[in-house]
Protein backbone atom coordinates (compact mmCIF):
# COMPACT_ATOMS: atom_id res chain seq x y z
CA MET A 1 -4.76 27.83 14.20
CA THR A 2 -6.48 31.49 13.71
CA ASP A 3 -8.54 32.78 10.29
CA LYS A 4 -5.85 34.79 9.04
CA GLN A 5 -4.42 31.01 7.55
CA ALA A 6 -2.25 31.28 4.28
CA LEU A 7 -0.93 27.60 2.54
CA ASN A 8 2.31 28.26 0.94
CA LEU A 9 3.06 25.08 -1.50
CA ILE A 10 6.69 24.30 -2.64
CA ILE A 11 6.10 21.72 -5.15
CA ARG A 12 9.46 19.80 -6.66
CA THR A 13 9.07 17.56 -10.08
CA LYS A 14 11.43 15.41 -11.75
CA GLY A 15 11.98 14.96 -15.00
CA ASN A 16 12.55 11.22 -15.66
CA HIS A 17 11.00 8.17 -15.09
CA ARG A 18 7.43 9.55 -15.67
CA SER A 19 5.83 6.26 -16.36
CA ARG A 20 7.05 4.68 -13.45
CA GLY A 21 6.13 7.16 -10.72
CA LEU A 22 9.37 8.19 -9.05
CA PHE A 23 11.09 11.26 -7.87
CA ASP A 24 15.02 11.27 -7.34
CA TYR A 25 16.10 12.90 -4.17
CA ASN A 26 19.50 12.44 -5.62
CA ILE A 27 18.47 15.44 -8.03
CA ASP A 28 20.01 18.41 -8.31
CA ASP A 29 18.75 21.25 -6.97
CA LYS A 30 19.28 23.68 -10.08
CA ARG A 31 16.33 20.84 -11.68
CA ILE A 32 13.58 21.80 -9.76
CA LYS A 33 10.99 23.40 -9.93
CA ILE A 34 9.68 25.37 -7.09
CA VAL A 35 6.01 26.48 -7.35
CA LYS A 36 4.54 28.50 -3.90
CA GLU A 37 1.60 30.00 -3.71
CA ILE A 38 -0.51 31.64 -1.18
CA ILE A 39 -4.51 30.16 -0.84
CA ASN A 40 -6.77 32.81 0.58
CA ASN A 41 -9.86 30.97 -0.33
CA ASP A 42 -11.91 28.29 1.70
CA ASN A 43 -12.00 25.67 -1.23
CA ALA A 44 -9.59 25.09 -3.79
CA PHE A 45 -8.41 23.19 -6.54
CA ILE A 46 -4.56 22.48 -6.42
CA VAL A 47 -4.08 20.85 -10.32
CA SER A 48 -1.13 20.01 -12.72
CA GLN A 49 -0.87 20.23 -16.33
CA SER A 50 1.33 18.89 -19.13
CA ASN A 51 2.25 15.92 -17.16
CA ASN A 52 2.73 17.80 -13.88
CA LYS A 53 4.90 20.54 -15.86
CA VAL A 54 2.43 23.70 -14.32
CA ILE A 55 0.94 23.36 -11.60
CA ASN A 56 -1.95 25.81 -10.97
CA CYS A 57 -4.31 26.71 -8.08
CA LEU A 58 -7.59 27.44 -8.86
CA SER A 59 -10.96 28.23 -6.58
CA GLU A 60 -13.12 26.21 -9.22
CA PHE A 61 -12.76 23.44 -10.71
CA ASN A 62 -13.91 22.72 -14.74
CA PRO A 63 -13.62 19.46 -15.06
CA LYS A 64 -14.06 20.28 -19.25
CA ASN A 65 -9.76 21.58 -19.52
CA GLU A 66 -7.13 19.29 -19.46
CA ASN A 67 -5.84 19.93 -16.25
CA GLN A 68 -5.39 16.91 -13.29
CA ILE A 69 -6.43 17.75 -9.73
CA LEU A 70 -3.67 16.83 -7.49
CA PHE A 71 -5.32 17.26 -4.89
CA GLN A 72 -8.25 19.39 -2.77
CA LEU A 73 -7.87 22.33 0.16
CA ARG A 74 -11.03 22.31 1.82
CA LYS A 75 -11.41 24.58 4.96
CA SER A 76 -13.61 22.01 7.60
CA PHE A 77 -16.34 24.50 9.30
CA LYS A 78 -16.18 22.90 12.81
CA THR A 79 -12.55 23.36 12.67
CA ASN A 80 -11.66 26.35 11.00
CA CYS A 81 -8.88 24.01 9.74
CA TYR A 82 -7.86 22.91 6.26
CA GLU A 83 -8.33 19.45 5.12
CA ILE A 84 -6.74 17.98 1.81
CA ILE A 85 -9.21 16.15 0.32
CA ASN A 86 -7.49 12.79 -0.82
CA PRO A 87 -8.49 10.99 -4.08
CA ILE A 88 -7.73 7.50 -2.87
CA ILE A 89 -11.37 7.32 -0.65
CA LYS A 90 -13.10 6.86 -4.01
CA CYS A 91 -12.01 3.84 -5.07
CA ASN A 92 -12.30 2.50 -1.69
CA GLN A 93 -12.18 -1.27 -1.55
CA ILE A 94 -10.77 -2.58 -4.68
CA GLN A 95 -9.87 -4.87 -6.63
CA LYS A 96 -6.18 -6.41 -6.34
CA ASN A 97 -5.14 -6.64 -9.42
CA SER A 98 -1.93 -4.83 -12.07
CA GLU A 99 -4.08 -2.60 -13.21
CA TYR A 100 -5.57 -0.45 -10.01
CA ILE A 101 -1.82 -1.31 -7.91
CA LYS A 102 -0.44 0.43 -10.66
CA ASP A 103 -2.94 3.56 -10.31
CA LEU A 104 -1.53 3.55 -6.71
CA ASN A 105 1.62 5.06 -8.20
CA ASN A 106 -1.10 8.75 -8.66
CA ARG A 107 -1.83 8.47 -5.45
CA PHE A 108 -1.22 10.23 -2.00
CA TRP A 109 1.64 8.91 -0.51
CA TYR A 110 3.92 9.90 2.46
CA VAL A 111 7.41 10.11 2.96
CA ILE A 112 9.35 8.04 5.20
CA ARG A 113 11.69 11.09 7.26
CA SER A 114 15.60 10.35 5.90
CA ASN A 115 19.09 11.68 7.16
CA ASN A 116 19.82 12.22 4.00
CA GLN A 117 20.41 15.74 4.07
CA ASN A 118 18.48 16.44 0.20
CA HIS A 119 15.52 14.69 1.86
CA GLU A 120 12.44 17.25 3.47
CA GLU A 121 12.33 16.24 7.44
CA ASN A 122 9.45 14.74 9.52
CA ASP A 123 9.27 15.29 13.15
CA GLU A 124 7.86 11.57 13.55
CA ASP A 125 8.32 8.02 13.04
CA TYR A 126 5.63 6.28 10.87
CA VAL A 127 4.17 3.16 12.94
CA LEU A 128 2.92 0.65 10.34
CA ASN A 129 -0.49 -0.64 11.03
CA GLN A 130 -2.02 -3.96 9.44
CA ASN A 131 -3.06 -3.11 5.72
CA ASP A 132 -0.59 -0.60 5.30
CA ILE A 133 1.01 -0.76 1.56
CA ILE A 134 4.23 0.68 1.38
CA LYS A 135 6.67 1.52 -1.75
CA LEU A 136 9.68 1.41 -1.71
CA GLY A 137 11.05 2.29 -5.04
CA ASP A 138 8.76 0.77 -7.55
CA LYS A 139 8.06 -1.60 -6.00
CA LYS A 140 4.47 -2.29 -3.39
CA TYR A 141 4.27 -3.93 -0.41
CA GLU A 142 1.21 -4.88 1.85
CA VAL A 143 0.79 -5.02 5.07
CA THR A 144 -1.42 -7.92 5.60
CA LYS A 145 -1.11 -8.98 8.82
CA ILE A 146 0.58 -7.77 11.94
CA ARG A 147 -0.25 -9.65 15.08
CA ILE A 148 1.50 -8.61 18.46
CA ASN A 149 0.05 -10.11 21.85
CA LYS A 150 -2.11 -7.32 24.10
CA ALA A 151 0.23 -7.87 26.79
CA ASP A 152 3.15 -6.34 25.49
CA ASN A 153 1.27 -3.82 24.28
CA TYR A 154 -0.12 -0.77 25.55
CA TYR A 155 -0.33 1.48 22.90
CA GLU A 156 -4.33 1.25 22.19
CA GLY A 157 -6.10 4.20 19.60
CA LEU A 158 -5.22 6.75 18.30
CA ARG A 159 -2.96 9.43 19.65
CA ASP A 160 -4.43 12.75 19.38
CA SER A 161 -7.47 13.22 17.24
CA ASN A 162 -6.55 17.25 17.35
CA ASN A 163 -3.43 16.92 15.35
CA TYR A 164 -3.23 14.91 11.81
CA ASN A 165 -0.95 11.70 12.17
CA ILE A 166 -0.57 9.66 9.30
CA SER A 167 -0.59 5.97 10.39
CA ASP A 168 -3.72 7.23 12.52
CA ILE A 169 -5.16 7.73 9.58
CA ASN A 170 -4.49 4.67 7.95
CA LYS A 171 -4.92 2.76 10.76
CA LYS A 172 -8.61 4.28 10.92
CA ALA A 173 -9.19 3.37 7.28
CA GLY A 174 -8.31 -0.08 7.17
CA PRO A 175 -7.72 -2.09 3.66
CA ILE A 176 -8.50 -0.73 0.58
CA PHE A 177 -8.58 -4.50 -1.39
CA LYS A 178 -11.75 -6.43 -1.87
CA SER A 179 -11.06 -10.07 -0.07
CA ASP A 180 -14.90 -11.04 -1.15
CA ILE A 181 -15.35 -14.13 -4.30
CA LYS A 182 -17.76 -12.37 -6.72
CA LYS A 183 -20.59 -13.88 -7.92
CA ASP A 184 -19.97 -13.11 -11.85
CA LYS A 185 -16.54 -13.95 -11.49
CA PHE A 186 -14.78 -15.95 -7.92
CA LYS A 187 -18.00 -17.78 -6.51
CA ILE A 188 -18.58 -20.73 -5.42
CA LEU A 189 -21.03 -23.76 -7.40
CA ASP A 190 -24.29 -23.95 -6.38
CA ASN A 191 -25.63 -27.67 -5.99
CA ASP A 192 -27.88 -27.52 -9.06
CA CYS A 193 -24.39 -26.96 -10.57
CA GLU A 194 -23.49 -30.34 -9.24
CA LYS A 195 -24.02 -32.95 -11.78
CA GLU A 196 -22.48 -36.56 -11.68
CA ASP A 197 -20.32 -36.36 -14.55
CA GLU A 198 -18.85 -32.81 -13.62
CA GLN A 199 -14.92 -33.56 -12.22
CA CYS A 200 -12.68 -31.30 -10.81
CA LEU A 201 -9.59 -30.05 -12.68
CA ILE A 202 -6.56 -31.56 -10.46
CA CYS A 203 -8.36 -34.67 -8.59
CA LEU A 204 -11.04 -35.64 -11.42
CA GLY A 205 -13.62 -36.40 -8.05
CA THR A 206 -17.24 -35.26 -8.11
CA SER A 207 -17.43 -34.73 -4.41
CA PRO A 208 -19.38 -32.26 -2.99
CA THR A 209 -19.42 -28.80 -1.21
CA SER A 210 -18.19 -28.92 1.90
CA ILE A 211 -17.04 -26.06 4.58
CA ASP A 212 -13.90 -27.16 4.51
CA ASN A 213 -12.77 -28.35 0.72
CA PRO A 214 -15.98 -26.13 -1.15
CA ARG A 215 -16.15 -26.39 -4.69
CA ILE A 216 -14.54 -23.07 -6.22
CA ASN A 217 -14.35 -21.37 -9.64
CA ILE A 218 -12.11 -18.65 -8.81
CA CYS A 219 -10.89 -18.45 -12.42
CA GLN A 220 -11.84 -17.40 -15.95
CA CYS A 221 -12.58 -20.91 -16.93
CA LYS A 222 -15.99 -21.39 -17.34
CA ASN A 223 -18.11 -24.48 -16.40
CA LYS A 224 -15.08 -25.26 -14.22
CA PHE A 225 -14.17 -26.28 -11.08
CA VAL A 226 -11.80 -27.21 -8.44
CA HIS A 227 -11.70 -28.55 -4.85
CA TYR A 228 -10.37 -25.98 -2.73
CA LEU A 229 -7.92 -28.34 -0.95
CA CYS A 230 -6.82 -29.42 -4.56
CA LEU A 231 -6.47 -26.03 -5.09
CA LYS A 232 -4.18 -25.83 -1.97
CA ARG A 233 -2.21 -28.90 -1.94
CA TYR A 234 -1.10 -27.95 -5.80
CA ILE A 235 -0.05 -24.51 -5.93
CA GLN A 236 1.98 -25.65 -2.05
CA THR A 237 4.01 -27.68 -4.73
CA LYS A 238 5.20 -24.55 -6.42
CA ILE A 239 6.83 -22.71 -3.63
CA LYS A 240 9.72 -22.19 -2.50
CA ILE A 241 10.64 -20.90 0.78
CA ARG A 242 14.06 -18.96 1.78
CA GLU A 243 15.35 -18.06 5.21
CA ASN A 244 17.90 -15.47 6.00
CA ARG A 245 20.92 -15.76 7.98
CA LYS A 246 19.18 -14.94 11.32
CA GLN A 247 16.04 -16.77 10.89
CA THR A 248 13.75 -14.53 11.83
CA VAL A 249 12.07 -13.59 8.15
CA THR A 250 10.98 -16.77 6.68
CA THR A 251 9.77 -15.74 2.09
CA TYR A 252 7.38 -18.00 0.18
CA CYS A 253 7.81 -17.67 -3.70
CA CYS A 254 5.62 -19.06 -6.31
CA ASN A 255 6.49 -18.24 -10.03
CA LYS A 256 2.97 -18.61 -11.29
CA PHE A 257 0.15 -18.77 -9.05
CA ASN A 258 -2.46 -18.25 -11.47
CA CYS A 259 -4.54 -21.05 -13.87
CA ASP A 260 -2.73 -23.56 -15.78
CA ILE A 261 -5.21 -22.75 -18.32
CA CYS A 262 -6.51 -20.24 -18.92
CA LEU A 263 -3.64 -17.92 -16.23
CA THR A 264 -6.17 -15.48 -14.31
CA PRO A 265 -4.30 -14.85 -11.47
CA TYR A 266 -5.13 -16.19 -7.73
CA PRO A 267 -5.94 -14.35 -4.73
CA THR A 268 -4.19 -15.26 -1.37
CA ARG A 269 -6.75 -15.29 0.99
CA PHE A 270 -10.36 -14.85 -0.29
CA LYS A 271 -14.02 -14.52 1.31
CA ILE A 272 -16.88 -16.94 0.35
CA SER A 273 -19.99 -14.95 1.95
CA GLN A 274 -22.05 -18.14 1.36
CA LEU A 275 -19.76 -19.32 4.13
CA ASN A 276 -19.17 -16.91 5.87
CA ARG A 277 -15.79 -17.80 5.89
CA GLU A 278 -11.90 -16.80 4.88
CA TYR A 279 -9.40 -19.48 2.92
CA ASP A 280 -5.86 -19.33 2.22
CA LEU A 281 -4.57 -21.04 -0.73
CA ILE A 282 -0.76 -20.74 1.25
CA ASP A 283 0.32 -22.50 3.61
CA LEU A 284 2.49 -19.93 5.70
CA ASN A 285 4.57 -21.73 9.05
CA LEU A 286 3.67 -18.55 11.48
CA PRO A 287 5.49 -18.29 14.16
CA GLU A 288 3.13 -18.87 16.47
CA GLU A 289 5.68 -18.19 19.91
CA PHE A 290 6.46 -14.87 18.81
CA ASN A 291 4.98 -11.48 17.34
CA TYR A 292 5.16 -11.36 14.04
CA MET A 293 3.97 -9.93 10.42
CA ILE A 294 3.13 -10.76 7.09
CA LEU A 295 4.06 -8.66 4.08
CA GLU A 296 2.74 -9.00 0.70
CA SER A 297 5.20 -7.81 -2.78
CA LEU A 298 2.04 -6.37 -4.87
CA ASP A 299 4.36 -5.35 -7.93
CA TYR A 300 4.52 -8.86 -9.13
CA ILE A 301 0.43 -9.27 -9.41
CA LYS A 302 0.55 -10.10 -13.57
CA GLU A 303 -2.38 -11.08 -15.83
CA LYS A 304 0.20 -13.53 -17.09
CA ASP A 305 2.86 -15.69 -14.94
CA ASN A 306 1.47 -14.46 -11.46
CA ILE A 307 4.43 -13.97 -9.21
CA LYS A 308 3.57 -14.52 -5.12
CA ARG A 309 6.11 -13.21 -2.38
CA ILE A 310 5.00 -13.15 0.93
CA HIS A 311 7.71 -12.86 3.96
CA VAL A 312 6.82 -13.42 6.98
CA VAL A 313 8.49 -11.37 9.86
CA GLN A 314 9.81 -12.05 12.75
CA LEU A 315 9.40 -9.38 15.41
CA VAL A 316 12.38 -9.48 17.10
CA GLU A 317 14.38 -6.90 19.19
CA ASP A 318 16.92 -7.33 15.77
CA GLU A 319 16.03 -5.05 13.19
CA ILE A 320 14.94 -6.34 9.46
CA TYR A 321 16.54 -4.75 6.51
CA ILE A 322 14.58 -4.51 3.07
CA GLY A 323 16.61 -3.88 0.42
CA ARG A 324 18.36 -5.09 -3.60
CA ASN A 325 21.84 -6.53 -1.09
CA GLY A 326 21.83 -9.71 -0.43
CA GLU A 327 22.69 -9.69 2.95
CA ASN A 328 19.06 -7.97 3.61
CA ASP A 329 16.82 -9.78 5.30
CA ILE A 330 13.81 -8.97 3.06
CA ILE A 331 15.31 -9.31 -0.55
CA ASP A 332 14.17 -6.89 -3.88
CA ASP A 333 16.09 -7.83 -6.74
CA ASP A 334 14.54 -4.63 -8.56
CA LEU A 335 16.69 -1.84 -9.73
CA THR A 336 14.73 0.84 -8.66
CA VAL A 337 15.09 -0.45 -4.48
CA SER A 338 18.18 0.60 -3.00
CA ARG A 339 21.00 -2.01 -1.61
CA PHE A 340 19.57 -1.02 2.06
CA HIS A 341 16.53 0.44 1.17
CA ALA A 342 14.78 0.49 4.41
CA VAL A 343 14.54 -1.06 8.24
CA LEU A 344 11.33 -2.22 10.53
CA LYS A 345 11.86 -1.74 14.17
CA TYR A 346 10.04 -3.37 16.50
CA ASN A 347 9.29 -1.47 19.93
CA GLN A 348 8.27 -4.08 22.16
CA ALA A 349 8.13 -1.91 25.06
CA GLU A 350 5.06 0.32 22.60
CA GLY A 351 4.35 -2.55 20.64
CA GLU A 352 5.06 -0.87 17.85
CA VAL A 353 6.93 -2.28 14.38
CA ILE A 354 8.22 1.28 13.11
CA LEU A 355 9.54 1.74 9.73
CA GLU A 356 12.37 3.79 8.77
CA ASN A 357 14.11 4.89 5.08
CA LYS A 358 17.66 4.18 4.47
CA SER A 359 17.56 5.27 0.30
CA GLU A 360 18.83 8.36 -0.69
CA THR A 361 17.48 8.35 -4.03
CA TYR A 362 13.75 6.95 -4.79
CA GLY A 363 13.22 7.13 -0.64
CA THR A 364 10.22 4.97 1.42
CA LEU A 365 6.58 5.67 1.26
CA VAL A 366 3.47 4.70 2.74
CA LEU A 367 -0.33 5.06 0.81
CA ILE A 368 -2.30 7.77 2.87
CA LYS A 369 -5.64 6.52 2.88
CA GLY A 370 -7.62 9.00 4.27
CA ASN A 371 -8.23 13.06 4.31
CA ILE A 372 -5.39 14.97 5.69
CA LYS A 373 -5.82 17.60 8.68
CA MET A 374 -3.39 20.13 8.67
CA LYS A 375 -1.11 21.45 11.00
CA ASP A 376 1.28 24.33 11.49
CA LYS A 377 4.54 21.86 10.60
CA ASN A 378 5.28 20.48 7.14
CA LEU A 379 3.98 18.01 5.34
CA ASN A 380 6.23 15.95 3.00
CA LEU A 381 4.10 14.55 -0.41
CA GLN A 382 4.80 11.94 -3.19
CA ILE A 383 1.92 11.93 -5.84
CA GLY A 384 3.15 10.25 -8.94
CA ASN A 385 6.46 11.72 -9.76
CA SER A 386 6.25 14.93 -8.20
CA PHE A 387 7.38 15.78 -4.46
CA ILE A 388 5.28 18.67 -2.55
CA THR A 389 6.05 20.02 0.63
CA VAL A 390 2.65 21.68 2.34
CA ASN A 391 3.08 24.16 5.23
CA LEU A 392 0.20 26.00 7.20
CA THR A 393 1.60 29.85 8.06
CA PRO A 394 -0.11 32.72 9.02
CA LYS A 395 -1.28 34.87 6.04
CA GLU A 396 0.96 38.03 7.68
CA LYS A 397 4.11 35.73 7.25
CA GLU A 398 6.62 34.86 4.26
CA PRO A 399 5.85 31.37 3.13
CA ILE A 400 8.97 29.10 4.51
């Protein structure tokens, strides 16, 4: 790119579902507001006023004004290219609770390409990574694990560091959720606290802490503990298991994945720093003879009556369909999820899992976890209920 650059913004805002962070891609073009801005400065702030009804480009941002920063644009001194500064970095390593998961609606989401004519097209597939967060309608999923044998996978590292690739950006960023047990909330009980009259809330036993069966407190019940294995066995009794017709997807559902007394949601996996070990509260039957991935539903995490849904997906040549219809391999009955919403395609030769969108309404999105280096191509983003297409063109040319 040359010094003569202009950043053209096309911002489309939907009038409905503002509280749910959705954009309807079937919206009538007459209702779409288009804003075009030409950026000449090395640093600019794209802000919204009145719930995204007014979009402005400012060279300086005054926090006293009633504006919300959608994103910041900054020209790199090293590469002389613009970067979109991502606000998700400021809340890296957050707690996995309902408040933070809902707040993700206001962050950067990459719009997966679609054959629908109302969608803006991207020219690349999205390759799923471990710790990616995807959004189908109003429902979010975390890719908690991808296991692909290295013998089948010659795709290693990043493709091209000179070009932005959202999948590579997310792979480098890693997870955004914390897993450690905090001393003030989730903790292993010290030996000084292990008195003879203290009993496990489940088995009523007084066995001391061991590395395989620690005495833990992962809820808000003060001065109480449970044995890790006791809690794990109790949770197993509440889990319902479902398989798809092809027996390539196993879904685990627990309707009350929280403390029965204080109702604090349990984590699926946690790490005890003092023991330098991670622990799982749900035993998953993993297909070790196959490559596989694990998807965890995030929006069912509630402060009360927490619901846990985990999908173990065998990576075989058959396509895995996700949607509201009962014939899908992964079923989500939320009304914002289309009947056949998205497809997972496993490319064994490349060792990649490709995510494709099939929804014509709310689309398929992937959370962007890093800064974006811009180049001469359209980048389709969704922030809340705003659909934004960003494109860089030379100044002497008219904006697209």
